Amino acid sequence: MLAGVVLTTYNFLEKTRSALDSFHYGSDHTPHRLVVVDNASEDGTREYLLSRGYEVIAVAAPCSQAAAINLGLCRLLADPGVTHLAWIHNDMRFFPGWLANLGQVFQRAPWIGKLSPWELTESRDFTEEEVGRFMRLSGGYLKLGNAVPWIMPRAVVEEVGLHDEGYVGDCIYEDHDYNNRLLLAGYPVMITKASAVRHEQAGTRRHTHRPDWDESNKARYIGKWGSLHLRLPAPF
């Protein structure tokens, strides 16, 4: 597996620096290519990334989350060696084995369309030993569900396509929209305990989100899908 990983950033340099440090530490033994899409940061984030030699897509003016993700996915899809595509947040802490274990799940269950690690959201911190034990004792546990970060096989992204950029700002609707498209194509959206990350959740979003985006995005979602939830039987 060669994972193409997209990190989207908008300000919060210290969070980004910490997330990147743990990402490299936790992913060191798994082949990957990281692309950072900086969404017009104003706090020195872009300058920091460039000074450290990261591959950066610099967005001149703020764009939607869906558009930022798509920019990263398109860059990585141009690399024929990339076999899987992933998206991570800058409010996460990664642990050794998190990415390699996701690859192992795909080996056992290649029919999965979108896979996420277990999110450790408790307020306390976790030691590397605790998380390593959690992943080892998981028994490869899988359940239907949506979470972040996520990873998808390249072939699935090529079939289903990119995210709908008609959604504005950062929201949950573009994510659920994409999940619906995966389900309709016959690909389950799943979470595994074989991999785990510490996730602050909405670490950036709660500082940047605008309430007026919700009504616009909700209307677009209902216009496409007819209701707020699309319930389909598990395709396996």
Protein backbone atom coordinates (compact mmCIF):
# COMPACT_ATOMS: atom_id res chain seq x y z
CA MET A 1 0.00 0.00 0.00
CA LEU A 2 1.17 3.51 -0.87
CA ALA A 3 -1.14 5.91 0.93
CA GLY A 4 -1.65 9.38 -0.49
CA VAL A 5 -2.61 11.53 2.50
CA VAL A 6 -4.29 14.94 2.33
CA LEU A 7 -4.04 17.33 5.27
CA THR A 8 -6.14 20.50 4.99
CA THR A 9 -5.05 23.47 7.10
CA TYR A 10 -6.38 26.91 7.95
CA ASN A 11 -4.40 28.71 10.65
CA PHE A 12 -3.76 26.96 14.02
CA LEU A 13 -0.07 26.51 13.36
CA GLU A 14 0.68 24.90 16.72
CA LYS A 15 -2.01 22.26 16.23
CA THR A 16 -0.72 21.57 12.74
CA ARG A 17 2.88 21.26 13.92
CA SER A 18 1.88 18.82 16.67
CA ALA A 19 -0.30 16.75 14.32
CA LEU A 20 2.47 16.52 11.74
CA ASP A 21 5.03 15.46 14.34
CA SER A 22 2.81 12.60 15.50
CA PHE A 23 1.84 11.73 11.92
CA HIS A 24 5.45 11.20 10.91
CA TYR A 25 6.19 9.28 14.09
CA GLY A 26 3.11 7.07 13.74
CA SER A 27 3.36 6.49 9.99
CA ASP A 28 7.13 6.19 9.59
CA HIS A 29 7.16 2.53 8.56
CA THR A 30 4.26 2.73 6.09
CA PRO A 31 4.89 4.09 2.57
CA HIS A 32 2.98 7.32 2.14
CA ARG A 33 2.96 10.65 0.34
CA LEU A 34 1.64 13.66 2.24
CA VAL A 35 0.11 16.71 0.52
CA VAL A 36 -0.95 19.71 2.61
CA VAL A 37 -3.67 21.96 1.23
CA ASP A 38 -3.32 25.28 3.03
CA ASN A 39 -6.61 27.16 2.78
CA ALA A 40 -5.26 30.72 2.87
CA SER A 41 -3.83 30.65 6.40
CA GLU A 42 -2.82 33.99 7.89
CA ASP A 43 -0.80 32.92 10.91
CA GLY A 44 2.41 31.69 9.31
CA THR A 45 1.20 28.12 8.75
CA ARG A 46 1.98 28.18 5.04
CA GLU A 47 5.43 29.67 5.57
CA TYR A 48 6.20 27.05 8.20
CA LEU A 49 5.13 24.19 5.94
CA LEU A 50 7.19 25.46 3.02
CA SER A 51 10.23 26.05 5.21
CA ARG A 52 10.07 22.41 6.33
CA GLY A 53 9.88 21.12 2.77
CA TYR A 54 6.30 19.90 2.81
CA GLU A 55 4.43 19.48 -0.46
CA VAL A 56 1.95 22.35 -0.20
CA ILE A 57 -0.97 23.39 -2.36
CA ALA A 58 -1.39 27.05 -1.46
CA VAL A 59 -4.97 28.29 -1.85
CA ALA A 60 -4.98 32.04 -2.48
CA ALA A 61 -8.47 32.73 -1.10
CA PRO A 62 -10.47 30.55 1.33
CA CYS A 63 -12.44 27.80 -0.38
CA SER A 64 -14.86 25.18 0.90
CA GLN A 65 -13.66 22.10 2.71
CA ALA A 66 -14.89 19.93 -0.16
CA ALA A 67 -12.86 21.97 -2.65
CA ALA A 68 -9.74 21.83 -0.49
CA ILE A 69 -9.99 18.05 -0.14
CA ASN A 70 -10.52 17.69 -3.88
CA LEU A 71 -7.39 19.72 -4.62
CA GLY A 72 -5.34 17.28 -2.56
CA LEU A 73 -7.03 14.21 -4.02
CA CYS A 74 -6.44 15.41 -7.58
CA ARG A 75 -2.74 16.03 -6.89
CA LEU A 76 -2.37 12.51 -5.47
CA LEU A 77 -4.43 10.83 -8.20
CA ALA A 78 -1.88 12.18 -10.69
CA ASP A 79 0.64 9.85 -9.02
CA PRO A 80 0.09 6.35 -10.49
CA GLY A 81 1.90 4.76 -7.56
CA VAL A 82 -0.69 5.86 -4.98
CA THR A 83 -2.99 2.94 -4.12
CA HIS A 84 -5.09 4.51 -1.33
CA LEU A 85 -6.23 8.05 -0.56
CA ALA A 86 -6.73 9.47 2.92
CA TRP A 87 -7.74 12.70 4.64
CA ILE A 88 -6.52 13.74 8.10
CA HIS A 89 -7.22 16.67 10.45
CA ASN A 90 -4.72 18.88 12.23
CA ASP A 91 -6.38 18.28 15.62
CA MET A 92 -5.28 14.64 15.78
CA ARG A 93 -2.55 12.62 17.41
CA PHE A 94 -1.32 9.56 15.54
CA PHE A 95 0.27 6.46 17.04
CA PRO A 96 2.63 3.83 15.62
CA GLY A 97 0.76 1.30 13.51
CA TRP A 98 -2.35 3.37 12.86
CA LEU A 99 -1.80 3.57 9.08
CA ALA A 100 -0.23 0.15 8.59
CA ASN A 101 -3.15 -1.46 10.44
CA LEU A 102 -5.67 0.19 8.13
CA GLY A 103 -3.79 -1.31 5.21
CA GLN A 104 -4.03 -4.74 6.83
CA VAL A 105 -7.80 -4.35 7.23
CA PHE A 106 -8.11 -3.61 3.52
CA GLN A 107 -6.11 -6.75 2.77
CA ARG A 108 -8.63 -8.81 4.75
CA ALA A 109 -11.69 -6.90 3.54
CA PRO A 110 -11.00 -5.37 0.10
CA TRP A 111 -14.74 -4.75 -0.39
CA ILE A 112 -14.71 -1.81 2.06
CA GLY A 113 -15.17 1.54 0.35
CA LYS A 114 -14.20 3.94 3.12
CA LEU A 115 -12.46 3.05 6.37
CA SER A 116 -11.75 5.06 9.50
CA PRO A 117 -9.77 4.28 12.65
CA TRP A 118 -11.41 4.39 16.05
CA GLU A 119 -11.54 7.94 17.42
CA LEU A 120 -10.28 8.35 20.97
CA THR A 121 -12.23 11.46 21.95
CA GLU A 122 -12.01 11.39 25.75
CA SER A 123 -10.57 14.55 27.30
CA ARG A 124 -7.62 12.73 28.86
CA ASP A 125 -4.43 12.00 26.98
CA PHE A 126 -3.42 8.48 25.99
CA THR A 127 -0.04 6.83 26.17
CA GLU A 128 1.49 5.09 23.20
CA GLU A 129 1.40 1.82 25.16
CA GLU A 130 -2.33 2.16 25.89
CA VAL A 131 -3.23 2.78 22.27
CA GLY A 132 -0.94 0.02 21.02
CA ARG A 133 -2.64 -2.44 23.38
CA PHE A 134 -6.10 -1.20 22.31
CA MET A 135 -5.28 -1.86 18.65
CA ARG A 136 -3.68 -5.25 19.31
CA LEU A 137 -6.65 -6.50 21.34
CA SER A 138 -9.29 -5.25 18.90
CA GLY A 139 -9.60 -8.56 17.09
CA GLY A 140 -9.98 -6.65 13.85
CA TYR A 141 -13.33 -5.24 15.06
CA LEU A 142 -15.35 -3.57 12.28
CA LYS A 143 -18.64 -1.71 12.32
CA LEU A 144 -20.65 0.37 9.89
CA GLY A 145 -20.11 4.06 10.57
CA ASN A 146 -18.54 7.34 9.59
CA ALA A 147 -15.52 8.99 11.21
CA VAL A 148 -12.37 10.99 10.50
CA PRO A 149 -9.67 10.43 9.40
CA TRP A 150 -10.66 8.18 6.54
CA ILE A 151 -8.92 6.19 3.83
CA MET A 152 -10.27 4.78 0.56
CA PRO A 153 -8.86 2.54 -2.16
CA ARG A 154 -7.82 4.53 -5.21
CA ALA A 155 -10.13 2.50 -7.45
CA VAL A 156 -13.12 3.47 -5.32
CA VAL A 157 -12.33 7.19 -5.56
CA GLU A 158 -11.84 6.89 -9.32
CA GLU A 159 -15.23 5.21 -9.64
CA VAL A 160 -17.27 7.38 -7.26
CA GLY A 161 -15.52 10.67 -8.03
CA LEU A 162 -14.64 13.74 -6.00
CA HIS A 163 -16.58 15.59 -3.31
CA ASP A 164 -19.46 17.89 -4.27
CA GLU A 165 -18.08 21.43 -4.21
CA GLY A 166 -21.58 22.90 -4.13
CA TYR A 167 -21.44 22.68 -0.34
CA VAL A 168 -20.05 25.85 1.23
CA GLY A 169 -17.59 26.31 4.05
CA ASP A 170 -16.89 23.38 6.34
CA CYS A 171 -19.81 21.14 7.22
CA ILE A 172 -20.84 17.54 7.69
CA TYR A 173 -23.15 17.43 4.69
CA GLU A 174 -20.51 17.00 2.01
CA ASP A 175 -19.18 14.03 3.99
CA HIS A 176 -22.59 12.36 4.27
CA ASP A 177 -23.27 13.16 0.62
CA TYR A 178 -20.13 11.28 -0.36
CA ASN A 179 -21.02 8.38 1.93
CA ASN A 180 -24.40 8.08 0.21
CA ARG A 181 -22.68 7.88 -3.16
CA LEU A 182 -20.38 5.16 -1.84
CA LEU A 183 -23.32 3.17 -0.49
CA LEU A 184 -25.23 3.46 -3.74
CA ALA A 185 -22.16 2.16 -5.57
CA GLY A 186 -22.11 -0.85 -3.23
CA TYR A 187 -19.21 0.17 -0.96
CA PRO A 188 -19.63 0.07 2.83
CA VAL A 189 -18.43 2.91 5.04
CA MET A 190 -16.79 1.41 8.13
CA ILE A 191 -14.82 2.01 11.32
CA THR A 192 -12.25 -0.37 12.80
CA LYS A 193 -10.69 -0.73 16.24
CA ALA A 194 -7.59 -2.25 14.64
CA SER A 195 -6.42 1.36 14.26
CA ALA A 196 -6.94 4.31 16.58
CA VAL A 197 -6.17 8.04 16.71
CA ARG A 198 -6.69 10.71 19.34
CA HIS A 199 -9.13 13.26 17.90
CA GLU A 200 -10.01 16.54 19.54
CA GLN A 201 -13.00 16.82 17.14
CA ALA A 202 -13.96 20.13 15.52
CA GLY A 203 -10.72 21.59 16.81
CA THR A 204 -10.56 24.02 13.92
CA ARG A 205 -14.17 23.95 12.79
CA ARG A 206 -15.59 25.39 15.99
CA HIS A 207 -13.50 28.52 15.43
CA THR A 208 -14.25 28.96 11.74
CA HIS A 209 -17.78 27.64 11.17
CA ARG A 210 -20.56 30.05 10.24
CA PRO A 211 -24.16 29.11 11.15
CA ASP A 212 -25.52 30.41 7.84
CA TRP A 213 -23.58 27.68 6.06
CA ASP A 214 -25.75 25.07 7.75
CA GLU A 215 -29.02 26.11 6.12
CA SER A 216 -27.45 26.38 2.67
CA ASN A 217 -25.77 23.00 2.93
CA LYS A 218 -28.83 21.34 4.47
CA ALA A 219 -30.99 22.58 1.60
CA ARG A 220 -28.52 21.29 -0.98
CA TYR A 221 -28.33 17.91 0.74
CA ILE A 222 -32.11 17.47 0.97
CA GLY A 223 -32.46 18.65 -2.62
CA LYS A 224 -30.18 15.82 -3.72
CA TRP A 225 -31.23 13.04 -1.36
CA GLY A 226 -34.79 13.88 -0.31
CA SER A 227 -34.12 13.63 3.42
CA LEU A 228 -31.33 14.12 5.93
CA HIS A 229 -30.46 10.42 6.02
CA LEU A 230 -30.14 7.79 3.36
CA ARG A 231 -30.60 4.37 4.91
CA LEU A 232 -29.42 1.46 2.81
CA PRO A 233 -28.81 -2.17 3.76
CA ALA A 234 -25.18 -3.11 4.25
CA PRO A 235 -23.96 -4.27 0.81
CA PHE A 236 -22.12 -7.25 2.25
